Amino acid sequence: MQPVIDTNLVNVSSTAIQAIQELLNEKNLVDHALRLFVAGKSCSGYQYGMSLDNSISETDTTVEISGIRVVIDNESLEFVKGTNLDFIDDERGKGFLIENPNMASSCDCGSESADGGCGGCC
């Protein structure tokens, strides 16, 4: 992971900042922000999502990081705190990587295995 800019809410690598800025420029979306949100939960933990958005609500939390506005809705805010956003281009693939080390994975289906993972519920 590249050096990050810590906003005390989310950590965004310089590589991710550059990739977001390139996307905004390519699509000529000068009035858009990056929206981070919780897209759901599975037995391996929370699923995070992101989009480019220009519909910012007054109840959204907005932070600016190196000229990029990052927006989080109130329902996702608690679960997004501490999230690391990176952009990778390696053996794992190419794209954005969202990880939250503060949210432990859990198994909601009740079939947790001895090693702490899911016992086949997914």
N, C-alpha and C. Protein backbone atom coordinates (compact mmCIF):
# COMPACT_ATOMS: atom_id res chain seq x y z
N MET A 1 0.85 -1.19 0.00
CA MET A 1 0.00 0.00 0.00
C MET A 1 0.88 1.24 0.00
N GLN A 2 0.49 2.22 -0.78
CA GLN A 2 1.18 3.50 -0.85
C GLN A 2 0.96 4.28 0.44
N PRO A 3 1.76 5.33 0.69
CA PRO A 3 1.50 6.18 1.85
C PRO A 3 0.06 6.70 1.81
N VAL A 4 -0.55 6.83 2.97
CA VAL A 4 -1.95 7.23 3.03
C VAL A 4 -2.10 8.61 3.63
N ILE A 5 -3.21 9.22 3.32
CA ILE A 5 -3.59 10.49 3.92
C ILE A 5 -4.66 10.16 4.93
N ASP A 6 -4.37 10.36 6.21
CA ASP A 6 -5.29 9.96 7.27
C ASP A 6 -6.24 11.11 7.58
N THR A 7 -7.51 10.88 7.40
CA THR A 7 -8.52 11.90 7.70
C THR A 7 -9.21 11.60 9.03
N ASN A 8 -8.73 10.60 9.76
CA ASN A 8 -9.36 10.10 10.97
C ASN A 8 -10.71 9.46 10.67
N LEU A 9 -11.06 9.32 9.43
CA LEU A 9 -12.29 8.67 9.03
C LEU A 9 -11.96 7.54 8.06
N VAL A 10 -11.30 7.89 6.98
CA VAL A 10 -10.84 6.90 6.00
C VAL A 10 -9.39 7.21 5.65
N ASN A 11 -8.68 6.19 5.25
CA ASN A 11 -7.30 6.33 4.81
C ASN A 11 -7.27 6.04 3.31
N VAL A 12 -6.73 6.98 2.54
CA VAL A 12 -6.72 6.84 1.10
C VAL A 12 -5.28 6.92 0.62
N SER A 13 -4.85 5.89 -0.12
CA SER A 13 -3.48 5.89 -0.62
C SER A 13 -3.32 6.94 -1.71
N SER A 14 -2.09 7.38 -1.91
CA SER A 14 -1.83 8.34 -2.98
C SER A 14 -2.13 7.73 -4.34
N THR A 15 -1.95 6.42 -4.48
CA THR A 15 -2.29 5.73 -5.73
C THR A 15 -3.79 5.79 -5.98
N ALA A 16 -4.60 5.60 -4.94
CA ALA A 16 -6.06 5.69 -5.08
C ALA A 16 -6.48 7.11 -5.42
N ILE A 17 -5.87 8.11 -4.79
CA ILE A 17 -6.19 9.51 -5.09
C ILE A 17 -5.95 9.77 -6.57
N GLN A 18 -4.81 9.32 -7.08
CA GLN A 18 -4.47 9.53 -8.48
C GLN A 18 -5.48 8.83 -9.40
N ALA A 19 -5.86 7.59 -9.07
CA ALA A 19 -6.81 6.83 -9.90
C ALA A 19 -8.19 7.49 -9.89
N ILE A 20 -8.62 7.99 -8.74
CA ILE A 20 -9.92 8.67 -8.64
C ILE A 20 -9.90 9.94 -9.48
N GLN A 21 -8.83 10.71 -9.35
CA GLN A 21 -8.71 11.95 -10.12
C GLN A 21 -8.73 11.67 -11.62
N GLU A 22 -8.05 10.60 -12.04
CA GLU A 22 -8.05 10.23 -13.46
C GLU A 22 -9.46 9.85 -13.92
N LEU A 23 -10.20 9.10 -13.10
CA LEU A 23 -11.58 8.74 -13.45
C LEU A 23 -12.46 9.98 -13.60
N LEU A 24 -12.36 10.88 -12.64
CA LEU A 24 -13.15 12.10 -12.68
C LEU A 24 -12.81 12.92 -13.92
N ASN A 25 -11.53 13.02 -14.25
CA ASN A 25 -11.11 13.78 -15.42
C ASN A 25 -11.56 13.12 -16.72
N GLU A 26 -11.38 11.79 -16.82
CA GLU A 26 -11.78 11.05 -18.03
C GLU A 26 -13.26 11.23 -18.33
N LYS A 27 -14.08 11.22 -17.28
CA LYS A 27 -15.52 11.30 -17.44
C LYS A 27 -16.05 12.73 -17.34
N ASN A 28 -15.10 13.70 -17.16
CA ASN A 28 -15.44 15.11 -17.03
C ASN A 28 -16.50 15.34 -15.93
N LEU A 29 -16.26 14.75 -14.78
CA LEU A 29 -17.18 14.83 -13.64
C LEU A 29 -16.61 15.76 -12.56
N VAL A 30 -16.48 17.02 -12.89
CA VAL A 30 -15.84 17.97 -11.98
C VAL A 30 -16.64 18.23 -10.72
N ASP A 31 -17.96 17.98 -10.75
CA ASP A 31 -18.80 18.27 -9.59
C ASP A 31 -19.13 17.01 -8.78
N HIS A 32 -18.44 15.91 -9.04
CA HIS A 32 -18.73 14.64 -8.37
C HIS A 32 -17.75 14.37 -7.22
N ALA A 33 -18.20 13.52 -6.33
CA ALA A 33 -17.40 13.07 -5.19
C ALA A 33 -17.32 11.55 -5.23
N LEU A 34 -16.42 11.00 -4.48
CA LEU A 34 -16.33 9.55 -4.31
C LEU A 34 -17.21 9.18 -3.13
N ARG A 35 -18.21 8.34 -3.35
CA ARG A 35 -19.08 7.90 -2.26
C ARG A 35 -18.64 6.50 -1.83
N LEU A 36 -18.36 6.34 -0.53
CA LEU A 36 -18.07 5.03 0.07
C LEU A 36 -19.30 4.61 0.86
N PHE A 37 -19.64 3.32 0.78
CA PHE A 37 -20.83 2.86 1.48
C PHE A 37 -20.73 1.37 1.80
N VAL A 38 -21.56 0.95 2.73
CA VAL A 38 -21.68 -0.47 3.04
C VAL A 38 -22.76 -1.02 2.11
N ALA A 39 -22.37 -2.04 1.32
CA ALA A 39 -23.29 -2.60 0.33
C ALA A 39 -24.01 -3.83 0.85
N GLY A 40 -23.64 -4.31 2.03
CA GLY A 40 -24.27 -5.49 2.60
C GLY A 40 -23.32 -6.19 3.54
N LYS A 41 -23.77 -7.33 4.04
CA LYS A 41 -22.95 -8.10 4.95
C LYS A 41 -23.10 -9.58 4.59
N SER A 42 -21.99 -10.26 4.59
CA SER A 42 -22.00 -11.70 4.37
C SER A 42 -21.31 -12.35 5.55
N CYS A 43 -21.18 -13.66 5.51
CA CYS A 43 -20.54 -14.33 6.64
C CYS A 43 -19.05 -14.00 6.72
N SER A 44 -18.49 -13.39 5.69
CA SER A 44 -17.08 -12.99 5.76
C SER A 44 -16.92 -11.54 6.17
N GLY A 45 -18.00 -10.85 6.49
CA GLY A 45 -17.93 -9.48 6.97
C GLY A 45 -18.70 -8.52 6.09
N TYR A 46 -18.47 -7.24 6.31
CA TYR A 46 -19.17 -6.20 5.56
C TYR A 46 -18.64 -6.12 4.14
N GLN A 47 -19.54 -5.84 3.21
CA GLN A 47 -19.19 -5.62 1.81
C GLN A 47 -19.23 -4.12 1.57
N TYR A 48 -18.15 -3.57 1.06
CA TYR A 48 -18.07 -2.13 0.81
C TYR A 48 -18.23 -1.84 -0.66
N GLY A 49 -18.75 -0.67 -0.96
CA GLY A 49 -18.90 -0.24 -2.33
C GLY A 49 -18.48 1.21 -2.47
N MET A 50 -18.35 1.63 -3.71
CA MET A 50 -18.00 3.01 -3.99
C MET A 50 -18.59 3.41 -5.33
N SER A 51 -18.84 4.70 -5.48
CA SER A 51 -19.37 5.23 -6.72
C SER A 51 -18.96 6.69 -6.85
N LEU A 52 -19.10 7.22 -8.04
CA LEU A 52 -18.92 8.65 -8.26
C LEU A 52 -20.31 9.26 -8.20
N ASP A 53 -20.47 10.29 -7.37
CA ASP A 53 -21.81 10.78 -7.05
C ASP A 53 -21.81 12.31 -6.98
N ASN A 54 -22.85 12.91 -7.52
CA ASN A 54 -23.01 14.36 -7.36
C ASN A 54 -24.28 14.72 -6.60
N SER A 55 -24.92 13.71 -6.02
CA SER A 55 -26.12 13.94 -5.19
C SER A 55 -25.73 13.83 -3.73
N ILE A 56 -25.21 14.91 -3.20
CA ILE A 56 -24.73 14.93 -1.83
C ILE A 56 -25.83 15.48 -0.93
N SER A 57 -26.19 14.69 0.08
CA SER A 57 -27.22 15.09 1.03
C SER A 57 -26.59 15.88 2.17
N GLU A 58 -27.36 16.75 2.78
CA GLU A 58 -26.83 17.50 3.92
C GLU A 58 -26.58 16.59 5.13
N THR A 59 -27.13 15.39 5.12
CA THR A 59 -26.88 14.45 6.21
C THR A 59 -25.64 13.58 5.94
N ASP A 60 -25.06 13.68 4.73
CA ASP A 60 -23.84 12.94 4.42
C ASP A 60 -22.65 13.57 5.13
N THR A 61 -21.67 12.77 5.44
CA THR A 61 -20.39 13.27 5.95
C THR A 61 -19.45 13.38 4.77
N THR A 62 -18.81 14.53 4.63
CA THR A 62 -17.90 14.78 3.52
C THR A 62 -16.54 15.21 4.06
N VAL A 63 -15.49 14.60 3.53
CA VAL A 63 -14.12 15.01 3.83
C VAL A 63 -13.43 15.25 2.49
N GLU A 64 -12.47 16.15 2.49
CA GLU A 64 -11.70 16.40 1.28
C GLU A 64 -10.28 15.91 1.50
N ILE A 65 -9.82 15.11 0.56
CA ILE A 65 -8.48 14.53 0.63
C ILE A 65 -7.77 14.83 -0.68
N SER A 66 -6.77 15.68 -0.62
CA SER A 66 -5.98 16.04 -1.81
C SER A 66 -6.86 16.44 -3.00
N GLY A 67 -7.88 17.23 -2.74
CA GLY A 67 -8.75 17.72 -3.80
C GLY A 67 -9.88 16.79 -4.18
N ILE A 68 -9.96 15.61 -3.58
CA ILE A 68 -11.03 14.64 -3.84
C ILE A 68 -12.01 14.69 -2.67
N ARG A 69 -13.29 14.89 -2.98
CA ARG A 69 -14.30 14.83 -1.93
C ARG A 69 -14.71 13.38 -1.73
N VAL A 70 -14.71 12.93 -0.48
CA VAL A 70 -15.16 11.58 -0.11
C VAL A 70 -16.42 11.76 0.72
N VAL A 71 -17.49 11.08 0.31
CA VAL A 71 -18.79 11.23 0.93
C VAL A 71 -19.24 9.89 1.50
N ILE A 72 -19.80 9.94 2.71
CA ILE A 72 -20.29 8.72 3.37
C ILE A 72 -21.65 9.03 3.98
N ASP A 73 -22.64 8.18 3.67
CA ASP A 73 -23.97 8.39 4.25
C ASP A 73 -23.95 8.00 5.73
N ASN A 74 -24.90 8.53 6.49
CA ASN A 74 -24.93 8.30 7.94
C ASN A 74 -25.08 6.84 8.32
N GLU A 75 -25.82 6.06 7.52
CA GLU A 75 -26.00 4.64 7.84
C GLU A 75 -24.71 3.85 7.69
N SER A 76 -23.85 4.27 6.76
CA SER A 76 -22.59 3.57 6.52
C SER A 76 -21.46 4.08 7.39
N LEU A 77 -21.60 5.28 7.92
CA LEU A 77 -20.50 5.97 8.60
C LEU A 77 -19.83 5.12 9.68
N GLU A 78 -20.61 4.52 10.54
CA GLU A 78 -20.07 3.72 11.65
C GLU A 78 -19.22 2.56 11.13
N PHE A 79 -19.62 1.98 10.01
CA PHE A 79 -18.96 0.79 9.48
C PHE A 79 -17.81 1.12 8.53
N VAL A 80 -17.73 2.38 8.09
CA VAL A 80 -16.68 2.80 7.16
C VAL A 80 -15.48 3.39 7.90
N LYS A 81 -15.67 3.83 9.14
CA LYS A 81 -14.57 4.43 9.90
C LYS A 81 -13.38 3.48 9.94
N GLY A 82 -12.21 4.02 9.61
CA GLY A 82 -10.99 3.23 9.64
C GLY A 82 -10.70 2.49 8.35
N THR A 83 -11.56 2.66 7.35
CA THR A 83 -11.39 1.96 6.08
C THR A 83 -10.14 2.46 5.35
N ASN A 84 -9.44 1.53 4.74
CA ASN A 84 -8.29 1.84 3.89
C ASN A 84 -8.72 1.66 2.44
N LEU A 85 -8.51 2.68 1.63
CA LEU A 85 -8.83 2.62 0.21
C LEU A 85 -7.52 2.71 -0.55
N ASP A 86 -7.28 1.72 -1.40
CA ASP A 86 -6.06 1.67 -2.19
C ASP A 86 -6.43 1.36 -3.63
N PHE A 87 -5.51 1.57 -4.53
CA PHE A 87 -5.66 1.16 -5.92
C PHE A 87 -4.50 0.23 -6.23
N ILE A 88 -4.81 -0.96 -6.71
CA ILE A 88 -3.77 -1.96 -6.96
C ILE A 88 -3.71 -2.30 -8.45
N ASP A 89 -2.55 -2.71 -8.86
CA ASP A 89 -2.32 -3.22 -10.21
C ASP A 89 -1.19 -4.23 -10.07
N ASP A 90 -1.58 -5.45 -9.65
CA ASP A 90 -0.59 -6.50 -9.39
C ASP A 90 -1.20 -7.86 -9.67
N GLU A 91 -0.64 -8.91 -9.10
CA GLU A 91 -1.11 -10.27 -9.35
C GLU A 91 -2.56 -10.50 -8.89
N ARG A 92 -3.07 -9.65 -8.00
CA ARG A 92 -4.46 -9.76 -7.56
C ARG A 92 -5.43 -9.17 -8.57
N GLY A 93 -4.93 -8.36 -9.47
CA GLY A 93 -5.76 -7.70 -10.46
C GLY A 93 -5.51 -6.21 -10.46
N LYS A 94 -6.40 -5.49 -11.11
CA LYS A 94 -6.29 -4.04 -11.20
C LYS A 94 -7.61 -3.44 -10.76
N GLY A 95 -7.56 -2.55 -9.79
CA GLY A 95 -8.76 -1.89 -9.33
C GLY A 95 -8.63 -1.39 -7.91
N PHE A 96 -9.73 -0.90 -7.39
CA PHE A 96 -9.74 -0.36 -6.04
C PHE A 96 -9.89 -1.49 -5.03
N LEU A 97 -9.22 -1.33 -3.92
CA LEU A 97 -9.26 -2.30 -2.83
C LEU A 97 -9.72 -1.56 -1.58
N ILE A 98 -10.82 -2.01 -1.01
CA ILE A 98 -11.37 -1.40 0.20
C ILE A 98 -11.26 -2.42 1.32
N GLU A 99 -10.55 -2.04 2.38
CA GLU A 99 -10.39 -2.92 3.54
C GLU A 99 -10.62 -2.12 4.81
N ASN A 100 -11.24 -2.77 5.79
CA ASN A 100 -11.43 -2.13 7.08
C ASN A 100 -10.89 -3.05 8.17
N PRO A 101 -9.70 -2.75 8.68
CA PRO A 101 -9.11 -3.59 9.71
C PRO A 101 -9.84 -3.52 11.05
N ASN A 102 -10.73 -2.56 11.22
CA ASN A 102 -11.47 -2.40 12.47
C ASN A 102 -12.71 -3.27 12.55
N MET A 103 -13.12 -3.83 11.44
CA MET A 103 -14.32 -4.68 11.41
C MET A 103 -13.89 -6.13 11.26
N ALA A 104 -14.07 -6.89 12.32
CA ALA A 104 -13.72 -8.30 12.28
C ALA A 104 -14.74 -9.05 11.44
N SER A 105 -14.26 -10.04 10.70
CA SER A 105 -15.21 -10.86 9.96
C SER A 105 -15.91 -11.78 10.94
N SER A 106 -17.12 -12.12 10.60
CA SER A 106 -17.90 -12.98 11.48
C SER A 106 -18.80 -13.86 10.64
N CYS A 107 -19.33 -14.87 11.28
CA CYS A 107 -20.22 -15.78 10.59
C CYS A 107 -21.60 -15.62 11.20
N ASP A 108 -22.53 -15.04 10.44
CA ASP A 108 -23.87 -14.79 10.94
C ASP A 108 -24.79 -15.99 10.79
N CYS A 109 -24.32 -17.04 10.11
CA CYS A 109 -25.23 -18.14 9.82
C CYS A 109 -25.21 -19.21 10.91
N GLY A 110 -24.33 -19.04 11.90
CA GLY A 110 -24.30 -19.98 13.02
C GLY A 110 -23.51 -21.24 12.77
N SER A 111 -22.78 -21.30 11.68
CA SER A 111 -22.01 -22.52 11.41
C SER A 111 -20.51 -22.24 11.36
N GLU A 112 -20.04 -21.46 12.32
CA GLU A 112 -18.64 -21.12 12.38
C GLU A 112 -17.81 -22.36 12.62
N SER A 113 -16.69 -22.47 11.90
CA SER A 113 -15.83 -23.65 12.04
C SER A 113 -14.81 -23.46 13.14
N ALA A 114 -14.06 -24.49 13.45
CA ALA A 114 -13.08 -24.45 14.55
C ALA A 114 -11.99 -23.43 14.31
N ASP A 115 -11.68 -23.13 13.04
CA ASP A 115 -10.62 -22.15 12.74
C ASP A 115 -11.13 -20.73 12.72
N GLY A 116 -12.40 -20.51 13.07
CA GLY A 116 -12.95 -19.16 13.13
C GLY A 116 -13.61 -18.73 11.84
N GLY A 117 -13.50 -19.53 10.80
CA GLY A 117 -14.11 -19.19 9.51
C GLY A 117 -15.52 -19.73 9.44
N CYS A 118 -16.14 -19.54 8.32
CA CYS A 118 -17.49 -20.02 8.13
C CYS A 118 -17.46 -21.51 7.80
N GLY A 119 -18.38 -22.22 8.34
CA GLY A 119 -18.46 -23.65 8.12
C GLY A 119 -19.29 -24.00 6.91
N GLY A 120 -19.11 -23.26 5.83
CA GLY A 120 -19.80 -23.57 4.59
C GLY A 120 -21.13 -22.85 4.42
N CYS A 121 -21.34 -21.76 5.16
CA CYS A 121 -22.62 -21.07 5.04
C CYS A 121 -22.70 -20.19 3.82
N CYS A 122 -21.59 -19.94 3.19
CA CYS A 122 -21.60 -19.03 2.02
C CYS A 122 -21.59 -19.82 0.73
